[in-house]
Amino acid sequence: MKTSQLVLLPIAFALTAGAAFAEGPIEGNEVFNFQSTLSRAEVQAQVAPAYQADQIARGEANPAQAQATVVASGLTRAQVLAEAAEARRLGVVVRGELQPVATPEQAELIRLAGLRAVQGNAVVQGQGSVQVN
């Protein structure tokens, strides 16, 4: 090929590609033309009471929502760890979108594992009866 063809061909492609985008304004361009009627201080003054009343979320949840989900538990750390290990062993731990449901027998095994963790070497059998080794 001649040198002129090697130079003109990319230029022609660039010009035709540019014409394809010349149809209209870029979507969302109206955001850049926004003119506020309030000053920064006025906006901050309007928002401050909402922040103080926890009506505006910070991050993914506001403090009022976070406090509403706090659940008090009567279980010790050892019980929770033992029950979690037993649930994992039985395969009833949620993984991704799979949400297995423990059978009543599995739920009892998980509860007993937590009680064994609290009582040390005691063997727990049934609803509340304890047999010491």
C-alpha atoms as a PDB file:
ATOM      1  CA  MET A   1       0.000   0.000   0.000  1.00  0.00           C
ATOM      2  CA  LYS A   2       1.028   3.499  -0.567  1.00  0.00           C
ATOM      3  CA  THR A   3       1.937   5.704   2.360  1.00  0.00           C
ATOM      4  CA  SER A   4      -0.968   8.033   1.638  1.00  0.00           C
ATOM      5  CA  GLN A   5      -3.429   5.151   1.933  1.00  0.00           C
ATOM      6  CA  LEU A   6      -1.882   4.021   5.216  1.00  0.00           C
ATOM      7  CA  VAL A   7      -2.368   7.521   6.635  1.00  0.00           C
ATOM      8  CA  LEU A   8      -5.769   8.338   5.113  1.00  0.00           C
ATOM      9  CA  LEU A   9      -7.510   5.078   6.044  1.00  0.00           C
ATOM     10  CA  PRO A  10      -7.246   5.552   9.875  1.00  0.00           C
ATOM     11  CA  ILE A  11      -8.265   9.199   9.507  1.00  0.00           C
ATOM     12  CA  ALA A  12     -11.362   8.203   7.514  1.00  0.00           C
ATOM     13  CA  PHE A  13     -12.310   5.636  10.167  1.00  0.00           C
ATOM     14  CA  ALA A  14     -11.896   8.215  12.929  1.00  0.00           C
ATOM     15  CA  LEU A  15     -14.100  10.735  11.133  1.00  0.00           C
ATOM     16  CA  THR A  16     -16.886   8.242  10.486  1.00  0.00           C
ATOM     17  CA  ALA A  17     -16.782   7.015  14.082  1.00  0.00           C
ATOM     18  CA  GLY A  18     -17.055  10.607  15.322  1.00  0.00           C
ATOM     19  CA  ALA A  19     -20.125  11.183  13.163  1.00  0.00           C
ATOM     20  CA  ALA A  20     -21.904   8.273  14.859  1.00  0.00           C
ATOM     21  CA  PHE A  21     -21.717  10.065  18.206  1.00  0.00           C
ATOM     22  CA  ALA A  22     -22.902  13.421  16.843  1.00  0.00           C
ATOM     23  CA  GLU A  23     -26.600  12.539  17.117  1.00  0.00           C
ATOM     24  CA  GLY A  24     -27.462  14.326  20.354  1.00  0.00           C
ATOM     25  CA  PRO A  25     -26.436  15.242  23.877  1.00  0.00           C
ATOM     26  CA  ILE A  26     -24.980  12.713  26.262  1.00  0.00           C
ATOM     27  CA  GLU A  27     -27.630  11.247  28.587  1.00  0.00           C
ATOM     28  CA  GLY A  28     -27.452  12.700  32.096  1.00  0.00           C
ATOM     29  CA  ASN A  29     -25.915  15.946  30.862  1.00  0.00           C
ATOM     30  CA  GLU A  30     -28.662  17.956  32.575  1.00  0.00           C
ATOM     31  CA  VAL A  31     -27.008  17.204  35.929  1.00  0.00           C
ATOM     32  CA  PHE A  32     -24.024  19.344  34.974  1.00  0.00           C
ATOM     33  CA  ASN A  33     -26.222  22.343  34.160  1.00  0.00           C
ATOM     34  CA  PHE A  34     -27.909  22.431  37.605  1.00  0.00           C
ATOM     35  CA  GLN A  35     -27.807  25.787  39.401  1.00  0.00           C
ATOM     36  CA  SER A  36     -28.645  25.810  43.116  1.00  0.00           C
ATOM     37  CA  THR A  37     -30.621  28.659  44.632  1.00  0.00           C
ATOM     38  CA  LEU A  38     -29.245  27.989  48.131  1.00  0.00           C
ATOM     39  CA  SER A  39     -25.771  28.538  49.499  1.00  0.00           C
ATOM     40  CA  ARG A  40     -23.721  25.690  50.989  1.00  0.00           C
ATOM     41  CA  ALA A  41     -24.304  27.052  54.516  1.00  0.00           C
ATOM     42  CA  GLU A  42     -28.074  27.176  53.982  1.00  0.00           C
ATOM     43  CA  VAL A  43     -28.165  23.569  52.801  1.00  0.00           C
ATOM     44  CA  GLN A  44     -26.069  22.445  55.774  1.00  0.00           C
ATOM     45  CA  ALA A  45     -28.375  24.318  58.151  1.00  0.00           C
ATOM     46  CA  GLN A  46     -31.398  22.524  56.679  1.00  0.00           C
ATOM     47  CA  VAL A  47     -29.738  19.092  56.901  1.00  0.00           C
ATOM     48  CA  ALA A  48     -28.322  19.413  60.442  1.00  0.00           C
ATOM     49  CA  PRO A  49     -31.630  18.752  62.298  1.00  0.00           C
ATOM     50  CA  ALA A  50     -32.259  15.644  60.186  1.00  0.00           C
ATOM     51  CA  TYR A  51     -28.810  14.280  61.051  1.00  0.00           C
ATOM     52  CA  GLN A  52     -29.380  14.957  64.744  1.00  0.00           C
ATOM     53  CA  ALA A  53     -32.734  13.134  64.627  1.00  0.00           C
ATOM     54  CA  ASP A  54     -31.095  10.150  62.808  1.00  0.00           C
ATOM     55  CA  GLN A  55     -33.392  10.602  59.819  1.00  0.00           C
ATOM     56  CA  ILE A  56     -30.553  10.527  57.287  1.00  0.00           C
ATOM     57  CA  ALA A  57     -28.630   7.297  56.792  1.00  0.00           C
ATOM     58  CA  ARG A  58     -24.864   7.304  57.188  1.00  0.00           C
ATOM     59  CA  GLY A  59     -23.463   4.495  55.105  1.00  0.00           C
ATOM     60  CA  GLU A  60     -25.852   1.587  54.662  1.00  0.00           C
ATOM     61  CA  ALA A  61     -27.981   2.035  57.780  1.00  0.00           C
ATOM     62  CA  ASN A  62     -28.697   4.831  60.189  1.00  0.00           C
ATOM     63  CA  PRO A  63     -28.057   4.366  63.934  1.00  0.00           C
ATOM     64  CA  ALA A  64     -31.763   4.003  64.754  1.00  0.00           C
ATOM     65  CA  GLN A  65     -32.034   1.059  62.367  1.00  0.00           C
ATOM     66  CA  ALA A  66     -28.846  -0.494  63.705  1.00  0.00           C
ATOM     67  CA  GLN A  67     -30.079  -0.292  67.295  1.00  0.00           C
ATOM     68  CA  ALA A  68     -33.410  -1.808  66.338  1.00  0.00           C
ATOM     69  CA  THR A  69     -31.661  -4.969  65.126  1.00  0.00           C
ATOM     70  CA  VAL A  70     -29.625  -5.550  68.300  1.00  0.00           C
ATOM     71  CA  VAL A  71     -30.788  -8.728  69.995  1.00  0.00           C
ATOM     72  CA  ALA A  72     -29.826  -9.488  73.584  1.00  0.00           C
ATOM     73  CA  SER A  73     -28.714 -13.077  74.029  1.00  0.00           C
ATOM     74  CA  GLY A  74     -28.480 -15.078  77.216  1.00  0.00           C
ATOM     75  CA  LEU A  75     -25.860 -17.359  75.660  1.00  0.00           C
ATOM     76  CA  THR A  76     -22.193 -17.263  76.553  1.00  0.00           C
ATOM     77  CA  ARG A  77     -19.465 -16.964  73.964  1.00  0.00           C
ATOM     78  CA  ALA A  78     -18.569 -20.620  74.484  1.00  0.00           C
ATOM     79  CA  GLN A  79     -22.171 -21.666  73.842  1.00  0.00           C
ATOM     80  CA  VAL A  80     -22.402 -19.640  70.642  1.00  0.00           C
ATOM     81  CA  LEU A  81     -19.111 -21.054  69.339  1.00  0.00           C
ATOM     82  CA  ALA A  82     -20.119 -24.635  70.187  1.00  0.00           C
ATOM     83  CA  GLU A  83     -23.557 -24.241  68.624  1.00  0.00           C
ATOM     84  CA  ALA A  84     -22.052 -22.703  65.490  1.00  0.00           C
ATOM     85  CA  ALA A  85     -19.551 -25.556  65.193  1.00  0.00           C
ATOM     86  CA  GLU A  86     -22.319 -28.136  65.613  1.00  0.00           C
ATOM     87  CA  ALA A  87     -24.544 -26.394  63.053  1.00  0.00           C
ATOM     88  CA  ARG A  88     -21.618 -26.306  60.627  1.00  0.00           C
ATOM     89  CA  ARG A  89     -20.974 -30.026  61.254  1.00  0.00           C
ATOM     90  CA  LEU A  90     -24.638 -30.840  60.588  1.00  0.00           C
ATOM     91  CA  GLY A  91     -24.659 -28.722  57.416  1.00  0.00           C
ATOM     92  CA  VAL A  92     -27.391 -26.323  58.480  1.00  0.00           C
ATOM     93  CA  VAL A  93     -25.348 -23.127  58.075  1.00  0.00           C
ATOM     94  CA  VAL A  94     -26.497 -20.646  55.421  1.00  0.00           C
ATOM     95  CA  ARG A  95     -24.101 -20.511  52.467  1.00  0.00           C
ATOM     96  CA  GLY A  96     -24.789 -17.976  49.739  1.00  0.00           C
ATOM     97  CA  GLU A  97     -28.353 -18.371  48.560  1.00  0.00           C
ATOM     98  CA  LEU A  98     -28.820 -21.808  50.142  1.00  0.00           C
ATOM     99  CA  GLN A  99     -30.740 -21.577  53.403  1.00  0.00           C
ATOM    100  CA  PRO A 100     -31.025 -25.027  54.950  1.00  0.00           C
ATOM    101  CA  VAL A 101     -33.544 -25.486  57.754  1.00  0.00           C
ATOM    102  CA  ALA A 102     -32.579 -27.594  60.752  1.00  0.00           C
ATOM    103  CA  THR A 103     -34.884 -30.426  61.667  1.00  0.00           C
ATOM    104  CA  PRO A 104     -36.123 -30.546  65.289  1.00  0.00           C
ATOM    105  CA  GLU A 105     -33.558 -33.298  65.975  1.00  0.00           C
ATOM    106  CA  GLN A 106     -30.736 -31.186  64.535  1.00  0.00           C
ATOM    107  CA  ALA A 107     -31.890 -28.143  66.514  1.00  0.00           C
ATOM    108  CA  GLU A 108     -31.773 -30.238  69.690  1.00  0.00           C
ATOM    109  CA  LEU A 109     -28.247 -31.468  68.868  1.00  0.00           C
ATOM    110  CA  ILE A 110     -27.154 -27.860  68.352  1.00  0.00           C
ATOM    111  CA  ARG A 111     -28.706 -26.792  71.675  1.00  0.00           C
ATOM    112  CA  LEU A 112     -27.062 -29.706  73.507  1.00  0.00           C
ATOM    113  CA  ALA A 113     -23.670 -28.808  72.040  1.00  0.00           C
ATOM    114  CA  GLY A 114     -24.035 -25.329  73.546  1.00  0.00           C
ATOM    115  CA  LEU A 115     -24.984 -26.745  76.934  1.00  0.00           C
ATOM    116  CA  ARG A 116     -22.014 -29.141  76.871  1.00  0.00           C
ATOM    117  CA  ALA A 117     -19.695 -26.204  76.202  1.00  0.00           C
ATOM    118  CA  VAL A 118     -20.973 -24.388  79.295  1.00  0.00           C
ATOM    119  CA  GLN A 119     -20.982 -27.394  81.608  1.00  0.00           C
ATOM    120  CA  GLY A 120     -17.496 -28.569  80.735  1.00  0.00           C
ATOM    121  CA  ASN A 121     -17.198 -32.338  80.862  1.00  0.00           C
ATOM    122  CA  ALA A 122     -20.825 -33.024  81.773  1.00  0.00           C
ATOM    123  CA  VAL A 123     -22.844 -35.041  79.285  1.00  0.00           C
ATOM    124  CA  VAL A 124     -26.203 -33.468  78.554  1.00  0.00           C
ATOM    125  CA  GLN A 125     -29.123 -35.700  77.646  1.00  0.00           C
ATOM    126  CA  GLY A 126     -32.653 -34.653  76.718  1.00  0.00           C
ATOM    127  CA  GLN A 127     -34.528 -31.635  78.033  1.00  0.00           C
ATOM    128  CA  GLY A 128     -32.575 -30.520  81.075  1.00  0.00           C
ATOM    129  CA  SER A 129     -31.374 -33.838  82.486  1.00  0.00           C
ATOM    130  CA  VAL A 130     -27.613 -33.864  83.094  1.00  0.00           C
ATOM    131  CA  GLN A 131     -25.394 -36.851  83.638  1.00  0.00           C
ATOM    132  CA  VAL A 132     -21.875 -36.160  84.956  1.00  0.00           C
ATOM    133  CA  ASN A 133     -18.994 -38.335  83.752  1.00  0.00           C
END
